[in-house]
Amino acid sequence: MSNDIQEKGAILQRDKETFAIAPHIAGGIIDPDGLRRIADVAEKYNSKVLKTKIRSDYDIIVSDKSKIDRSIE
């Protein structure tokens, strides 16, 4: 595989036919607009899945206790 592709962050998958594109998310923290941009790119290029690595959960950070119940609903 070309070093150029690796330098761009593309990772050849085990099937040797597909690539994972791994956007850098500094500190593992991303705002909702950033997640939307990632989803938009995935849809634009017909990606069938997005893969979460290391931990398979997201934390929604809310600014005060009064927002917790509404955020969970």
C-alpha atoms as a PDB file:
ATOM      1  CA  MET A   1       0.000   0.000   0.000  1.00  0.00           C
ATOM      2  CA  SER A   2       1.198   3.462  -0.830  1.00  0.00           C
ATOM      3  CA  ASN A   3       2.724   5.444   2.034  1.00  0.00           C
ATOM      4  CA  ASP A   4       0.741   8.412   0.704  1.00  0.00           C
ATOM      5  CA  ILE A   5      -2.523   6.669   1.621  1.00  0.00           C
ATOM      6  CA  GLN A   6      -1.241   5.772   5.090  1.00  0.00           C
ATOM      7  CA  GLU A   7      -0.077   9.335   5.704  1.00  0.00           C
ATOM      8  CA  LYS A   8      -3.590  10.557   4.920  1.00  0.00           C
ATOM      9  CA  GLY A   9      -4.930   8.343   7.700  1.00  0.00           C
ATOM     10  CA  ALA A  10      -6.436   5.556   5.574  1.00  0.00           C
ATOM     11  CA  ILE A  11      -6.066   2.084   7.070  1.00  0.00           C
ATOM     12  CA  LEU A  12      -6.372  -1.015   4.868  1.00  0.00           C
ATOM     13  CA  GLN A  13      -8.835  -3.433   6.473  1.00  0.00           C
ATOM     14  CA  ARG A  14      -8.419  -7.189   6.902  1.00  0.00           C
ATOM     15  CA  ASP A  15     -10.493  -7.897   3.815  1.00  0.00           C
ATOM     16  CA  LYS A  16      -7.759  -6.131   1.771  1.00  0.00           C
ATOM     17  CA  GLU A  17     -10.515  -4.354  -0.185  1.00  0.00           C
ATOM     18  CA  THR A  18     -11.794  -1.609   2.112  1.00  0.00           C
ATOM     19  CA  PHE A  19     -10.168   1.232   3.999  1.00  0.00           C
ATOM     20  CA  ALA A  20     -10.929   2.877   7.310  1.00  0.00           C
ATOM     21  CA  ILE A  21     -10.552   6.643   7.377  1.00  0.00           C
ATOM     22  CA  ALA A  22      -9.695   7.721  10.911  1.00  0.00           C
ATOM     23  CA  PRO A  23     -10.365  11.418  11.515  1.00  0.00           C
ATOM     24  CA  HIS A  24      -8.304  12.877  14.335  1.00  0.00           C
ATOM     25  CA  ILE A  25     -10.447  13.840  17.322  1.00  0.00           C
ATOM     26  CA  ALA A  26      -8.195  15.765  19.696  1.00  0.00           C
ATOM     27  CA  GLY A  27      -8.503  14.458  23.229  1.00  0.00           C
ATOM     28  CA  GLY A  28     -11.409  12.245  22.162  1.00  0.00           C
ATOM     29  CA  ILE A  29     -13.783  15.191  22.518  1.00  0.00           C
ATOM     30  CA  ILE A  30     -15.933  16.322  19.602  1.00  0.00           C
ATOM     31  CA  ASP A  31     -18.895  18.679  19.405  1.00  0.00           C
ATOM     32  CA  PRO A  32     -22.198  17.704  17.742  1.00  0.00           C
ATOM     33  CA  ASP A  33     -21.299  19.649  14.579  1.00  0.00           C
ATOM     34  CA  GLY A  34     -18.086  17.634  14.285  1.00  0.00           C
ATOM     35  CA  LEU A  35     -20.021  14.368  14.551  1.00  0.00           C
ATOM     36  CA  ARG A  36     -22.455  15.636  11.903  1.00  0.00           C
ATOM     37  CA  ARG A  37     -19.562  16.468   9.559  1.00  0.00           C
ATOM     38  CA  ILE A  38     -18.174  12.955   9.988  1.00  0.00           C
ATOM     39  CA  ALA A  39     -21.622  11.468   9.300  1.00  0.00           C
ATOM     40  CA  ASP A  40     -22.043  13.742   6.266  1.00  0.00           C
ATOM     41  CA  VAL A  41     -18.746  12.538   4.783  1.00  0.00           C
ATOM     42  CA  ALA A  42     -19.682   8.907   5.467  1.00  0.00           C
ATOM     43  CA  GLU A  43     -23.020   9.370   3.684  1.00  0.00           C
ATOM     44  CA  LYS A  44     -21.465  11.325   0.802  1.00  0.00           C
ATOM     45  CA  TYR A  45     -19.120   8.426   0.029  1.00  0.00           C
ATOM     46  CA  ASN A  46     -21.725   5.704   0.710  1.00  0.00           C
ATOM     47  CA  SER A  47     -20.100   4.257   3.814  1.00  0.00           C
ATOM     48  CA  LYS A  48     -22.323   1.563   5.285  1.00  0.00           C
ATOM     49  CA  VAL A  49     -20.997   1.831   8.851  1.00  0.00           C
ATOM     50  CA  LEU A  50     -19.098   4.045  11.261  1.00  0.00           C
ATOM     51  CA  LYS A  51     -16.906   2.166  13.742  1.00  0.00           C
ATOM     52  CA  THR A  52     -16.233   3.360  17.287  1.00  0.00           C
ATOM     53  CA  LYS A  53     -12.946   2.101  18.655  1.00  0.00           C
ATOM     54  CA  ILE A  54     -11.515   1.535  22.134  1.00  0.00           C
ATOM     55  CA  ARG A  55     -14.757   2.377  23.988  1.00  0.00           C
ATOM     56  CA  SER A  56     -18.056   1.924  22.259  1.00  0.00           C
ATOM     57  CA  ASP A  57     -19.991   4.653  24.006  1.00  0.00           C
ATOM     58  CA  TYR A  58     -20.458   8.391  23.840  1.00  0.00           C
ATOM     59  CA  ASP A  59     -20.819  10.767  26.769  1.00  0.00           C
ATOM     60  CA  ILE A  60     -23.190  13.696  26.326  1.00  0.00           C
ATOM     61  CA  ILE A  61     -21.889  16.530  28.479  1.00  0.00           C
ATOM     62  CA  VAL A  62     -24.614  18.786  29.896  1.00  0.00           C
ATOM     63  CA  SER A  63     -24.022  22.080  31.676  1.00  0.00           C
ATOM     64  CA  ASP A  64     -26.281  21.640  34.707  1.00  0.00           C
ATOM     65  CA  LYS A  65     -28.328  19.038  36.613  1.00  0.00           C
ATOM     66  CA  SER A  66     -31.662  20.390  35.375  1.00  0.00           C
ATOM     67  CA  LYS A  67     -30.822  19.178  31.863  1.00  0.00           C
ATOM     68  CA  ILE A  68     -30.009  15.566  32.789  1.00  0.00           C
ATOM     69  CA  ASP A  69     -33.530  14.074  32.677  1.00  0.00           C
ATOM     70  CA  ARG A  70     -34.370  15.833  29.397  1.00  0.00           C
ATOM     71  CA  SER A  71     -31.075  14.641  27.862  1.00  0.00           C
ATOM     72  CA  ILE A  72     -31.790  11.004  28.730  1.00  0.00           C
ATOM     73  CA  GLU A  73     -35.317  10.986  27.276  1.00  0.00           C
END
